[in-house]
Amino acid sequence: MSESDSTGANKAALRKTLRLARNAHANALDPRVRALVLMRPPAALTELLPADATIGLYMAGSGEAPTIGYARHFHEAGHTIALPWFAARDSAMTFRAWASPHLDALLEPGPFGIAQPLAAAPEITPDVLFVPLVGFTARGDRLGQGGGHYDRWLATHAKALAIGLAWDCQLVETLPKEVHDRALFAVVTPTRLFGPFGALP
C-alpha cells in the first residue's frame, strides 16, 4: 500500500469514528439547548471580516454544527448569504445566493437531499466560507466528510477565508494530512474560538 493509500485509509477509519461520536453528541443534546448554540459568531472573529463580505454557509446535516443562527446574524448585519448548490451529484460545488434565511421557500432539495437555493438564484462567490467538518485540531487542520467538494472549491479560491464550525467533541490532537488539505483560518465551537491562524489573505 502506498503512503497516499495508507493516509486515505487512516482518514476513512478516523472519519467513521469521529462521525459516530459527533452524531452521538448532537443527538444527546436537549433540543432547547441545541436551538441556542452558535447563534452568533465571536466578536473577535467578526471584527476581522470585511463589512461587505459575502458569507458562505452550509445547511447542517445530521449531527453537524448548526448554521441557521449565523445565517440570520450575518443577513441582519447586511451581508449577502451564499449556500452550496449542485446541479447533480457528480457536479462541482458552486454557491448561490440565499436572499433571506427567514424564508425556507427560497430553498429546494438538492441532489444529496440537502436544501439548497433555487436554481434561479444568482451564482456568487463567498469571501468567507464556514465549512462543515468531521474532526479538527487546535492548529486548524480539518477532516471533512470525504467527498472532497470543499477541498476542490478552496483549491481554486485561495483568497476565501475558510472557517470551521464544530462541536467541542470533534477536537482531536492530530489528523492525517495529504498535499491537498488546506488548514482553516479559524474554528468555532459552542465554547471556544480556535485561531485565527495566520494573517488575512
N, C-alpha and C. Protein backbone atom coordinates (compact mmCIF):
# COMPACT_ATOMS: atom_id res chain seq x y z
N MET A 1 0.84 -1.20 0.00
CA MET A 1 0.00 0.00 0.00
C MET A 1 0.88 1.25 0.00
N SER A 2 0.60 2.19 -0.91
CA SER A 2 1.38 3.41 -0.98
C SER A 2 1.09 4.30 0.21
N GLU A 3 1.97 5.30 0.41
CA GLU A 3 1.76 6.24 1.53
C GLU A 3 0.45 6.98 1.38
N SER A 4 0.09 7.35 0.13
CA SER A 4 -1.16 8.05 -0.11
C SER A 4 -2.36 7.16 0.22
N ASP A 5 -2.29 5.88 -0.20
CA ASP A 5 -3.37 4.95 0.10
C ASP A 5 -3.51 4.74 1.59
N SER A 6 -2.38 4.65 2.28
CA SER A 6 -2.39 4.46 3.73
C SER A 6 -3.02 5.64 4.44
N THR A 7 -2.67 6.85 3.99
CA THR A 7 -3.26 8.05 4.59
C THR A 7 -4.76 8.08 4.36
N GLY A 8 -5.16 7.71 3.15
CA GLY A 8 -6.59 7.69 2.84
C GLY A 8 -7.34 6.69 3.70
N ALA A 9 -6.74 5.52 3.93
CA ALA A 9 -7.38 4.51 4.76
C ALA A 9 -7.48 4.97 6.21
N ASN A 10 -6.42 5.63 6.68
CA ASN A 10 -6.44 6.16 8.05
C ASN A 10 -7.52 7.22 8.20
N LYS A 11 -7.67 8.05 7.18
CA LYS A 11 -8.71 9.08 7.21
C LYS A 11 -10.10 8.46 7.25
N ALA A 12 -10.30 7.43 6.45
CA ALA A 12 -11.61 6.80 6.39
C ALA A 12 -11.99 6.18 7.73
N ALA A 13 -11.03 5.52 8.37
CA ALA A 13 -11.30 4.90 9.68
C ALA A 13 -11.57 5.96 10.73
N LEU A 14 -10.77 7.02 10.72
CA LEU A 14 -10.94 8.10 11.69
C LEU A 14 -12.26 8.83 11.45
N ARG A 15 -12.58 9.02 10.18
CA ARG A 15 -13.84 9.70 9.82
C ARG A 15 -15.04 8.94 10.38
N LYS A 16 -15.02 7.63 10.29
CA LYS A 16 -16.12 6.81 10.78
C LYS A 16 -16.25 6.95 12.30
N THR A 17 -15.12 6.90 13.01
CA THR A 17 -15.15 7.01 14.48
C THR A 17 -15.63 8.39 14.92
N LEU A 18 -15.11 9.43 14.29
CA LEU A 18 -15.46 10.79 14.68
C LEU A 18 -16.91 11.12 14.31
N ARG A 19 -17.38 10.59 13.20
CA ARG A 19 -18.77 10.85 12.82
C ARG A 19 -19.73 10.23 13.83
N LEU A 20 -19.43 9.03 14.29
CA LEU A 20 -20.27 8.39 15.30
C LEU A 20 -20.29 9.20 16.59
N ALA A 21 -19.10 9.69 17.01
CA ALA A 21 -19.02 10.49 18.24
C ALA A 21 -19.76 11.81 18.08
N ARG A 22 -19.63 12.43 16.91
CA ARG A 22 -20.31 13.70 16.63
C ARG A 22 -21.82 13.52 16.68
N ASN A 23 -22.31 12.48 16.02
CA ASN A 23 -23.75 12.25 15.97
C ASN A 23 -24.30 11.92 17.35
N ALA A 24 -23.55 11.14 18.13
CA ALA A 24 -24.00 10.79 19.48
C ALA A 24 -24.09 12.03 20.35
N HIS A 25 -23.10 12.92 20.21
CA HIS A 25 -23.12 14.17 20.99
C HIS A 25 -24.32 15.03 20.61
N ALA A 26 -24.53 15.21 19.31
CA ALA A 26 -25.63 16.07 18.85
C ALA A 26 -26.98 15.49 19.25
N ASN A 27 -27.14 14.18 19.13
CA ASN A 27 -28.41 13.55 19.47
C ASN A 27 -28.72 13.59 20.96
N ALA A 28 -27.67 13.68 21.78
CA ALA A 28 -27.86 13.70 23.23
C ALA A 28 -28.23 15.09 23.75
N LEU A 29 -28.08 16.12 22.92
CA LEU A 29 -28.38 17.48 23.36
C LEU A 29 -29.89 17.68 23.48
N ASP A 30 -30.29 18.38 24.53
CA ASP A 30 -31.68 18.81 24.66
C ASP A 30 -31.98 19.72 23.46
N PRO A 31 -33.06 19.48 22.73
CA PRO A 31 -33.38 20.32 21.57
C PRO A 31 -33.43 21.81 21.89
N ARG A 32 -33.83 22.15 23.12
CA ARG A 32 -33.88 23.57 23.51
C ARG A 32 -32.49 24.15 23.62
N VAL A 33 -31.53 23.33 24.06
CA VAL A 33 -30.14 23.77 24.13
C VAL A 33 -29.55 23.88 22.74
N ARG A 34 -29.79 22.87 21.93
CA ARG A 34 -29.25 22.86 20.57
C ARG A 34 -29.73 24.07 19.78
N ALA A 35 -30.96 24.52 20.03
CA ALA A 35 -31.51 25.66 19.30
C ALA A 35 -30.82 26.97 19.66
N LEU A 36 -30.07 26.98 20.77
CA LEU A 36 -29.46 28.22 21.24
C LEU A 36 -27.96 28.30 20.99
N VAL A 37 -27.34 27.21 20.51
CA VAL A 37 -25.89 27.25 20.31
C VAL A 37 -25.56 27.84 18.94
N LEU A 38 -24.37 28.44 18.86
CA LEU A 38 -23.88 29.03 17.62
C LEU A 38 -24.89 29.98 16.99
N MET A 39 -25.45 30.85 17.82
CA MET A 39 -26.41 31.84 17.33
C MET A 39 -25.74 33.03 16.67
N ARG A 40 -24.52 33.35 17.12
CA ARG A 40 -23.78 34.46 16.52
C ARG A 40 -22.29 34.19 16.66
N PRO A 41 -21.48 34.60 15.70
CA PRO A 41 -20.04 34.32 15.76
C PRO A 41 -19.35 35.17 16.82
N PRO A 42 -18.20 34.73 17.30
CA PRO A 42 -17.46 35.51 18.30
C PRO A 42 -17.07 36.88 17.73
N ALA A 43 -17.16 37.89 18.58
CA ALA A 43 -16.81 39.25 18.14
C ALA A 43 -15.37 39.33 17.65
N ALA A 44 -14.48 38.57 18.28
CA ALA A 44 -13.07 38.59 17.87
C ALA A 44 -12.90 38.11 16.43
N LEU A 45 -13.84 37.31 15.96
CA LEU A 45 -13.79 36.85 14.57
C LEU A 45 -14.47 37.82 13.63
N THR A 46 -15.66 38.28 13.98
CA THR A 46 -16.40 39.17 13.08
C THR A 46 -15.67 40.49 12.87
N GLU A 47 -14.89 40.91 13.86
CA GLU A 47 -14.13 42.16 13.71
C GLU A 47 -13.10 42.08 12.58
N LEU A 48 -12.72 40.86 12.20
CA LEU A 48 -11.73 40.67 11.14
C LEU A 48 -12.36 40.61 9.75
N LEU A 49 -13.67 40.45 9.69
CA LEU A 49 -14.32 40.23 8.41
C LEU A 49 -14.75 41.54 7.77
N PRO A 50 -14.51 41.71 6.49
CA PRO A 50 -14.94 42.94 5.80
C PRO A 50 -16.45 43.12 5.90
N ALA A 51 -16.87 44.37 6.03
CA ALA A 51 -18.30 44.67 6.19
C ALA A 51 -19.12 44.26 4.98
N ASP A 52 -18.49 44.19 3.80
CA ASP A 52 -19.22 43.84 2.59
C ASP A 52 -18.97 42.41 2.14
N ALA A 53 -18.40 41.59 3.01
CA ALA A 53 -18.05 40.22 2.64
C ALA A 53 -19.30 39.38 2.36
N THR A 54 -19.24 38.58 1.33
CA THR A 54 -20.27 37.58 1.08
C THR A 54 -19.93 36.37 1.94
N ILE A 55 -20.91 35.91 2.71
CA ILE A 55 -20.68 34.84 3.68
C ILE A 55 -21.26 33.53 3.16
N GLY A 56 -20.41 32.54 2.98
CA GLY A 56 -20.84 31.21 2.58
C GLY A 56 -21.07 30.34 3.80
N LEU A 57 -22.18 29.64 3.81
CA LEU A 57 -22.52 28.73 4.91
C LEU A 57 -22.98 27.41 4.31
N TYR A 58 -23.25 26.44 5.15
CA TYR A 58 -23.78 25.15 4.71
C TYR A 58 -25.07 24.88 5.45
N MET A 59 -25.92 24.06 4.89
CA MET A 59 -27.11 23.61 5.58
C MET A 59 -26.73 22.36 6.36
N ALA A 60 -26.83 22.43 7.68
CA ALA A 60 -26.34 21.36 8.53
C ALA A 60 -27.10 20.06 8.30
N GLY A 61 -26.34 18.99 8.10
CA GLY A 61 -26.92 17.67 8.02
C GLY A 61 -26.92 17.02 9.40
N SER A 62 -27.21 15.74 9.43
CA SER A 62 -27.31 15.00 10.69
C SER A 62 -26.03 15.13 11.51
N GLY A 63 -26.16 15.66 12.72
CA GLY A 63 -25.03 15.75 13.63
C GLY A 63 -24.14 16.96 13.45
N GLU A 64 -24.24 17.65 12.33
CA GLU A 64 -23.33 18.77 12.08
C GLU A 64 -23.70 19.99 12.92
N ALA A 65 -22.69 20.79 13.22
CA ALA A 65 -22.93 22.02 13.96
C ALA A 65 -23.89 22.90 13.17
N PRO A 66 -24.91 23.47 13.82
CA PRO A 66 -25.93 24.24 13.10
C PRO A 66 -25.41 25.58 12.58
N THR A 67 -26.03 26.05 11.52
CA THR A 67 -25.60 27.30 10.88
C THR A 67 -26.69 28.36 10.79
N ILE A 68 -27.92 28.02 11.10
CA ILE A 68 -29.02 28.95 10.87
C ILE A 68 -28.85 30.23 11.67
N GLY A 69 -28.31 30.13 12.88
CA GLY A 69 -28.08 31.33 13.69
C GLY A 69 -27.08 32.26 13.03
N TYR A 70 -26.01 31.70 12.48
CA TYR A 70 -25.02 32.51 11.78
C TYR A 70 -25.63 33.13 10.52
N ALA A 71 -26.43 32.36 9.80
CA ALA A 71 -27.06 32.90 8.58
C ALA A 71 -27.91 34.12 8.91
N ARG A 72 -28.70 34.02 9.95
CA ARG A 72 -29.56 35.15 10.32
C ARG A 72 -28.74 36.32 10.86
N HIS A 73 -27.71 36.03 11.63
CA HIS A 73 -26.86 37.10 12.17
C HIS A 73 -26.21 37.89 11.03
N PHE A 74 -25.57 37.19 10.11
CA PHE A 74 -24.87 37.89 9.03
C PHE A 74 -25.85 38.57 8.08
N HIS A 75 -26.99 37.96 7.83
CA HIS A 75 -28.00 38.60 6.98
C HIS A 75 -28.47 39.91 7.60
N GLU A 76 -28.75 39.89 8.89
CA GLU A 76 -29.22 41.10 9.57
C GLU A 76 -28.13 42.16 9.67
N ALA A 77 -26.86 41.72 9.58
CA ALA A 77 -25.75 42.68 9.60
C ALA A 77 -25.46 43.24 8.20
N GLY A 78 -26.24 42.81 7.20
CA GLY A 78 -26.11 43.38 5.86
C GLY A 78 -25.27 42.57 4.90
N HIS A 79 -24.82 41.38 5.30
CA HIS A 79 -24.02 40.54 4.41
C HIS A 79 -24.91 39.74 3.46
N THR A 80 -24.39 39.46 2.29
CA THR A 80 -25.04 38.53 1.37
C THR A 80 -24.71 37.11 1.82
N ILE A 81 -25.71 36.24 1.84
CA ILE A 81 -25.53 34.85 2.28
C ILE A 81 -25.53 33.93 1.06
N ALA A 82 -24.57 33.02 1.04
CA ALA A 82 -24.46 32.04 -0.05
C ALA A 82 -24.49 30.63 0.53
N LEU A 83 -25.09 29.72 -0.22
CA LEU A 83 -25.14 28.30 0.16
C LEU A 83 -24.63 27.45 -0.99
N PRO A 84 -24.10 26.26 -0.69
CA PRO A 84 -23.67 25.36 -1.77
C PRO A 84 -24.83 25.01 -2.69
N TRP A 85 -24.50 24.81 -3.97
CA TRP A 85 -25.50 24.43 -4.96
C TRP A 85 -24.89 23.41 -5.90
N PHE A 86 -25.64 22.34 -6.14
CA PHE A 86 -25.20 21.27 -7.04
C PHE A 86 -26.26 21.05 -8.10
N ALA A 87 -25.83 20.97 -9.35
CA ALA A 87 -26.75 20.64 -10.43
C ALA A 87 -27.09 19.16 -10.40
N ALA A 88 -26.11 18.33 -10.01
CA ALA A 88 -26.29 16.89 -9.91
C ALA A 88 -25.26 16.35 -8.93
N ARG A 89 -25.37 15.10 -8.54
CA ARG A 89 -24.46 14.53 -7.55
C ARG A 89 -23.00 14.54 -8.02
N ASP A 90 -22.78 14.45 -9.33
CA ASP A 90 -21.41 14.43 -9.84
C ASP A 90 -20.95 15.79 -10.33
N SER A 91 -21.71 16.84 -10.02
CA SER A 91 -21.35 18.20 -10.44
C SER A 91 -20.42 18.85 -9.42
N ALA A 92 -19.66 19.83 -9.90
CA ALA A 92 -18.82 20.62 -8.99
C ALA A 92 -19.70 21.48 -8.10
N MET A 93 -19.24 21.73 -6.89
CA MET A 93 -19.97 22.59 -5.97
C MET A 93 -19.78 24.06 -6.36
N THR A 94 -20.88 24.76 -6.49
CA THR A 94 -20.85 26.21 -6.66
C THR A 94 -21.69 26.80 -5.54
N PHE A 95 -21.82 28.11 -5.53
CA PHE A 95 -22.62 28.78 -4.50
C PHE A 95 -23.63 29.71 -5.15
N ARG A 96 -24.83 29.72 -4.54
CA ARG A 96 -25.88 30.63 -4.99
C ARG A 96 -26.43 31.39 -3.79
N ALA A 97 -26.98 32.55 -4.07
CA ALA A 97 -27.45 33.44 -3.00
C ALA A 97 -28.70 32.88 -2.33
N TRP A 98 -28.75 33.04 -1.03
CA TRP A 98 -29.96 32.76 -0.24
C TRP A 98 -30.44 34.13 0.23
N ALA A 99 -31.44 34.66 -0.44
CA ALA A 99 -31.83 36.05 -0.23
C ALA A 99 -32.27 36.35 1.20
N SER A 100 -32.85 35.37 1.88
CA SER A 100 -33.26 35.58 3.27
C SER A 100 -33.27 34.26 4.02
N PRO A 101 -32.50 34.13 5.11
CA PRO A 101 -32.52 32.90 5.91
C PRO A 101 -33.78 32.76 6.75
N HIS A 102 -34.73 33.66 6.56
CA HIS A 102 -36.02 33.56 7.24
C HIS A 102 -37.08 32.93 6.32
N LEU A 103 -36.70 32.66 5.06
CA LEU A 103 -37.67 32.16 4.09
C LEU A 103 -37.22 30.82 3.52
N ASP A 104 -37.78 29.73 4.05
CA ASP A 104 -37.45 28.41 3.54
C ASP A 104 -37.95 28.21 2.12
N ALA A 105 -38.93 29.03 1.69
CA ALA A 105 -39.46 28.90 0.33
C ALA A 105 -38.40 29.23 -0.73
N LEU A 106 -37.30 29.84 -0.32
CA LEU A 106 -36.22 30.17 -1.25
C LEU A 106 -35.24 29.02 -1.41
N LEU A 107 -35.57 27.87 -0.81
CA LEU A 107 -34.71 26.69 -0.89
C LEU A 107 -35.50 25.53 -1.49
N GLU A 108 -34.74 24.58 -2.05
CA GLU A 108 -35.34 23.37 -2.58
C GLU A 108 -34.38 22.21 -2.33
N PRO A 109 -34.87 20.97 -2.35
CA PRO A 109 -33.98 19.83 -2.12
C PRO A 109 -32.94 19.71 -3.22
N GLY A 110 -31.69 19.51 -2.82
CA GLY A 110 -30.63 19.30 -3.79
C GLY A 110 -30.43 17.82 -4.07
N PRO A 111 -29.49 17.47 -4.94
CA PRO A 111 -29.29 16.07 -5.32
C PRO A 111 -28.79 15.18 -4.19
N PHE A 112 -28.27 15.78 -3.11
CA PHE A 112 -27.83 15.00 -1.96
C PHE A 112 -28.89 14.97 -0.86
N GLY A 113 -30.09 15.51 -1.16
CA GLY A 113 -31.15 15.54 -0.17
C GLY A 113 -31.02 16.66 0.83
N ILE A 114 -30.11 17.60 0.58
CA ILE A 114 -29.90 18.75 1.45
C ILE A 114 -30.46 20.00 0.76
N ALA A 115 -31.13 20.84 1.52
CA ALA A 115 -31.73 22.04 0.94
C ALA A 115 -30.65 22.94 0.34
N GLN A 116 -30.98 23.52 -0.81
CA GLN A 116 -30.07 24.45 -1.47
C GLN A 116 -30.89 25.54 -2.14
N PRO A 117 -30.25 26.67 -2.50
CA PRO A 117 -31.00 27.74 -3.14
C PRO A 117 -31.67 27.28 -4.44
N LEU A 118 -32.69 28.01 -4.83
CA LEU A 118 -33.36 27.73 -6.09
C LEU A 118 -32.39 27.90 -7.25
N ALA A 119 -32.61 27.16 -8.32
CA ALA A 119 -31.72 27.24 -9.48
C ALA A 119 -31.69 28.64 -10.08
N ALA A 120 -32.75 29.42 -9.87
CA ALA A 120 -32.81 30.77 -10.42
C ALA A 120 -32.04 31.78 -9.58
N ALA A 121 -31.59 31.39 -8.39
CA ALA A 121 -30.85 32.31 -7.52
C ALA A 121 -29.50 32.64 -8.16
N PRO A 122 -29.01 33.86 -7.97
CA PRO A 122 -27.73 34.24 -8.58
C PRO A 122 -26.57 33.41 -8.05
N GLU A 123 -25.68 33.03 -8.95
CA GLU A 123 -24.44 32.35 -8.54
C GLU A 123 -23.46 33.40 -8.03
N ILE A 124 -22.90 33.19 -6.85
CA ILE A 124 -21.99 34.14 -6.25
C ILE A 124 -20.82 33.39 -5.62
N THR A 125 -19.75 34.12 -5.32
CA THR A 125 -18.55 33.53 -4.73
C THR A 125 -18.36 34.06 -3.32
N PRO A 126 -18.39 33.20 -2.31
CA PRO A 126 -18.17 33.68 -0.93
C PRO A 126 -16.76 34.22 -0.72
N ASP A 127 -16.67 35.28 0.08
CA ASP A 127 -15.38 35.78 0.53
C ASP A 127 -14.95 35.05 1.80
N VAL A 128 -15.95 34.67 2.60
CA VAL A 128 -15.74 33.94 3.85
C VAL A 128 -16.61 32.69 3.77
N LEU A 129 -16.02 31.54 4.05
CA LEU A 129 -16.77 30.29 3.93
C LEU A 129 -16.68 29.49 5.23
N PHE A 130 -17.83 29.33 5.87
CA PHE A 130 -17.91 28.47 7.05
C PHE A 130 -18.14 27.04 6.56
N VAL A 131 -17.25 26.14 6.96
CA VAL A 131 -17.27 24.79 6.40
C VAL A 131 -17.64 23.76 7.46
N PRO A 132 -18.33 22.71 7.05
CA PRO A 132 -18.61 21.61 7.97
C PRO A 132 -17.37 20.73 8.10
N LEU A 133 -17.33 19.94 9.13
CA LEU A 133 -16.18 19.05 9.31
C LEU A 133 -16.56 17.87 10.19
N VAL A 134 -15.72 16.84 10.13
CA VAL A 134 -15.89 15.67 10.98
C VAL A 134 -14.96 15.76 12.18
N GLY A 135 -13.75 16.29 11.95
CA GLY A 135 -12.79 16.48 13.04
C GLY A 135 -11.89 17.66 12.75
N PHE A 136 -11.26 18.19 13.79
CA PHE A 136 -10.32 19.30 13.62
C PHE A 136 -9.28 19.26 14.73
N THR A 137 -8.16 19.95 14.50
CA THR A 137 -7.13 20.08 15.53
C THR A 137 -7.08 21.52 16.01
N ALA A 138 -6.41 21.73 17.13
CA ALA A 138 -6.28 23.07 17.70
C ALA A 138 -5.42 23.97 16.82
N ARG A 139 -4.78 23.42 15.79
CA ARG A 139 -3.97 24.20 14.84
C ARG A 139 -4.74 24.54 13.57
N GLY A 140 -5.99 24.08 13.49
CA GLY A 140 -6.80 24.41 12.33
C GLY A 140 -6.81 23.37 11.23
N ASP A 141 -6.24 22.18 11.46
CA ASP A 141 -6.35 21.10 10.49
C ASP A 141 -7.79 20.59 10.48
N ARG A 142 -8.26 20.17 9.32
CA ARG A 142 -9.66 19.76 9.16
C ARG A 142 -9.77 18.39 8.51
N LEU A 143 -10.69 17.58 9.01
CA LEU A 143 -11.07 16.33 8.35
C LEU A 143 -12.50 16.50 7.90
N GLY A 144 -12.71 16.46 6.58
CA GLY A 144 -14.04 16.67 6.03
C GLY A 144 -14.82 15.37 5.91
N GLN A 145 -15.95 15.45 5.21
CA GLN A 145 -16.84 14.31 5.08
C GLN A 145 -16.28 13.24 4.15
N GLY A 146 -15.35 13.61 3.29
CA GLY A 146 -14.76 12.63 2.39
C GLY A 146 -15.11 12.81 0.94
N GLY A 147 -16.07 13.69 0.64
CA GLY A 147 -16.45 13.91 -0.75
C GLY A 147 -15.50 14.80 -1.52
N GLY A 148 -14.74 15.62 -0.82
CA GLY A 148 -13.76 16.50 -1.46
C GLY A 148 -14.33 17.77 -2.07
N HIS A 149 -15.64 18.03 -1.89
CA HIS A 149 -16.24 19.21 -2.51
C HIS A 149 -15.59 20.50 -2.02
N TYR A 150 -15.42 20.61 -0.71
CA TYR A 150 -14.85 21.83 -0.16
C TYR A 150 -13.36 21.94 -0.49
N ASP A 151 -12.64 20.83 -0.45
CA ASP A 151 -11.22 20.86 -0.81
C ASP A 151 -11.03 21.38 -2.23
N ARG A 152 -11.84 20.87 -3.15
CA ARG A 152 -11.70 21.30 -4.54
C ARG A 152 -12.09 22.76 -4.71
N TRP A 153 -13.16 23.20 -4.03
CA TRP A 153 -13.57 24.59 -4.16
C TRP A 153 -12.50 25.52 -3.58
N LEU A 154 -12.00 25.19 -2.41
CA LEU A 154 -10.98 26.04 -1.77
C LEU A 154 -9.68 26.07 -2.56
N ALA A 155 -9.36 24.99 -3.25
CA ALA A 155 -8.13 24.94 -4.04
C ALA A 155 -8.16 25.96 -5.18
N THR A 156 -9.35 26.30 -5.64
CA THR A 156 -9.47 27.28 -6.74
C THR A 156 -9.92 28.65 -6.26
N HIS A 157 -10.05 28.82 -4.95
CA HIS A 157 -10.44 30.11 -4.38
C HIS A 157 -9.55 30.41 -3.18
N ALA A 158 -8.28 30.64 -3.48
CA ALA A 158 -7.26 30.76 -2.44
C ALA A 158 -7.49 31.95 -1.51
N LYS A 159 -8.19 32.97 -1.97
CA LYS A 159 -8.38 34.16 -1.14
C LYS A 159 -9.55 34.04 -0.17
N ALA A 160 -10.37 33.02 -0.33
CA ALA A 160 -11.52 32.85 0.58
C ALA A 160 -11.05 32.41 1.96
N LEU A 161 -11.62 33.02 2.99
CA LEU A 161 -11.32 32.62 4.36
C LEU A 161 -12.16 31.40 4.70
N ALA A 162 -11.51 30.30 5.07
CA ALA A 162 -12.23 29.08 5.43
C ALA A 162 -12.25 28.93 6.95
N ILE A 163 -13.44 28.88 7.50
CA ILE A 163 -13.62 28.82 8.96
C ILE A 163 -14.49 27.60 9.28
N GLY A 164 -14.03 26.78 10.19
CA GLY A 164 -14.78 25.60 10.56
C GLY A 164 -15.80 25.87 11.65
N LEU A 165 -16.92 25.16 11.59
CA LEU A 165 -17.91 25.16 12.66
C LEU A 165 -18.00 23.73 13.18
N ALA A 166 -17.94 23.56 14.50
CA ALA A 166 -17.88 22.21 15.05
C ALA A 166 -18.38 22.16 16.48
N TRP A 167 -18.66 20.94 16.93
CA TRP A 167 -18.89 20.69 18.35
C TRP A 167 -17.53 20.50 19.01
N ASP A 168 -17.45 20.77 20.30
CA ASP A 168 -16.19 20.61 21.02
C ASP A 168 -15.67 19.18 20.97
N CYS A 169 -16.56 18.20 20.91
CA CYS A 169 -16.16 16.80 20.89
C CYS A 169 -15.43 16.40 19.62
N GLN A 170 -15.42 17.26 18.62
CA GLN A 170 -14.76 16.95 17.36
C GLN A 170 -13.28 17.31 17.36
N LEU A 171 -12.80 17.91 18.43
CA LEU A 171 -11.39 18.27 18.55
C LEU A 171 -10.55 17.02 18.77
N VAL A 172 -9.49 16.86 17.97
CA VAL A 172 -8.55 15.75 18.12
C VAL A 172 -7.13 16.32 18.15
N GLU A 173 -6.20 15.53 18.63
CA GLU A 173 -4.83 16.02 18.77
C GLU A 173 -4.13 16.16 17.42
N THR A 174 -4.28 15.14 16.57
CA THR A 174 -3.65 15.18 15.24
C THR A 174 -4.60 14.58 14.21
N LEU A 175 -4.34 14.90 12.94
CA LEU A 175 -5.09 14.34 11.82
C LEU A 175 -4.10 13.96 10.72
N PRO A 176 -4.36 12.87 10.00
CA PRO A 176 -3.52 12.56 8.84
C PRO A 176 -3.73 13.62 7.77
N LYS A 177 -2.64 14.01 7.10
CA LYS A 177 -2.73 15.09 6.13
C LYS A 177 -2.23 14.64 4.76
N GLU A 178 -2.86 15.19 3.73
CA GLU A 178 -2.44 14.97 2.36
C GLU A 178 -2.10 16.33 1.74
N VAL A 179 -1.48 16.28 0.56
CA VAL A 179 -0.99 17.51 -0.07
C VAL A 179 -2.11 18.51 -0.29
N HIS A 180 -3.30 18.03 -0.66
CA HIS A 180 -4.40 18.96 -0.99
C HIS A 180 -5.10 19.53 0.23
N ASP A 181 -4.81 19.03 1.42
CA ASP A 181 -5.50 19.51 2.62
C ASP A 181 -5.09 20.94 2.95
N ARG A 182 -6.08 21.78 3.17
CA ARG A 182 -5.82 23.19 3.49
C ARG A 182 -6.27 23.48 4.91
N ALA A 183 -5.37 24.08 5.69
CA ALA A 183 -5.71 24.42 7.07
C ALA A 183 -6.76 25.53 7.08
N LEU A 184 -7.55 25.55 8.15
CA LEU A 184 -8.59 26.55 8.31
C LEU A 184 -8.03 27.84 8.88
N PHE A 185 -8.71 28.93 8.62
CA PHE A 185 -8.31 30.22 9.20
C PHE A 185 -8.67 30.27 10.68
N ALA A 186 -9.74 29.57 11.05
CA ALA A 186 -10.20 29.52 12.44
C ALA A 186 -11.22 28.39 12.55
N VAL A 187 -11.48 27.99 13.78
CA VAL A 187 -12.54 27.03 14.05
C VAL A 187 -13.35 27.56 15.23
N VAL A 188 -14.68 27.52 15.10
CA VAL A 188 -15.57 27.98 16.16
C VAL A 188 -16.36 26.79 16.69
N THR A 189 -16.40 26.65 18.01
CA THR A 189 -17.26 25.67 18.66
C THR A 189 -18.20 26.43 19.60
N PRO A 190 -19.16 25.76 20.21
CA PRO A 190 -20.06 26.48 21.12
C PRO A 190 -19.35 27.12 22.31
N THR A 191 -18.12 26.69 22.61
CA THR A 191 -17.43 27.24 23.80
C THR A 191 -16.14 27.98 23.50
N ARG A 192 -15.57 27.81 22.28
CA ARG A 192 -14.23 28.36 22.03
C ARG A 192 -14.07 28.84 20.59
N LEU A 193 -13.10 29.74 20.44
CA LEU A 193 -12.62 30.14 19.13
C LEU A 193 -11.17 29.68 19.04
N PHE A 194 -10.88 28.82 18.08
CA PHE A 194 -9.51 28.38 17.81
C PHE A 194 -8.97 29.22 16.66
N GLY A 195 -7.88 29.93 16.89
CA GLY A 195 -7.33 30.82 15.89
C GLY A 195 -7.73 32.27 16.21
N PRO A 196 -7.63 33.13 15.22
CA PRO A 196 -7.26 32.86 13.84
C PRO A 196 -5.80 32.40 13.69
N PHE A 197 -5.57 31.61 12.64
CA PHE A 197 -4.25 31.12 12.33
C PHE A 197 -3.72 31.88 11.12
N GLY A 198 -2.64 32.61 11.31
CA GLY A 198 -2.08 33.35 10.19
C GLY A 198 -2.80 34.67 9.95
N ALA A 199 -2.34 35.33 8.85
CA ALA A 199 -2.89 36.64 8.50
C ALA A 199 -3.98 36.49 7.45
N LEU A 200 -4.76 37.55 7.31
CA LEU A 200 -5.78 37.58 6.26
C LEU A 200 -5.12 37.54 4.90
N PRO A 201 -5.74 36.85 3.93
CA PRO A 201 -5.17 36.80 2.57
C PRO A 201 -5.03 38.18 1.98
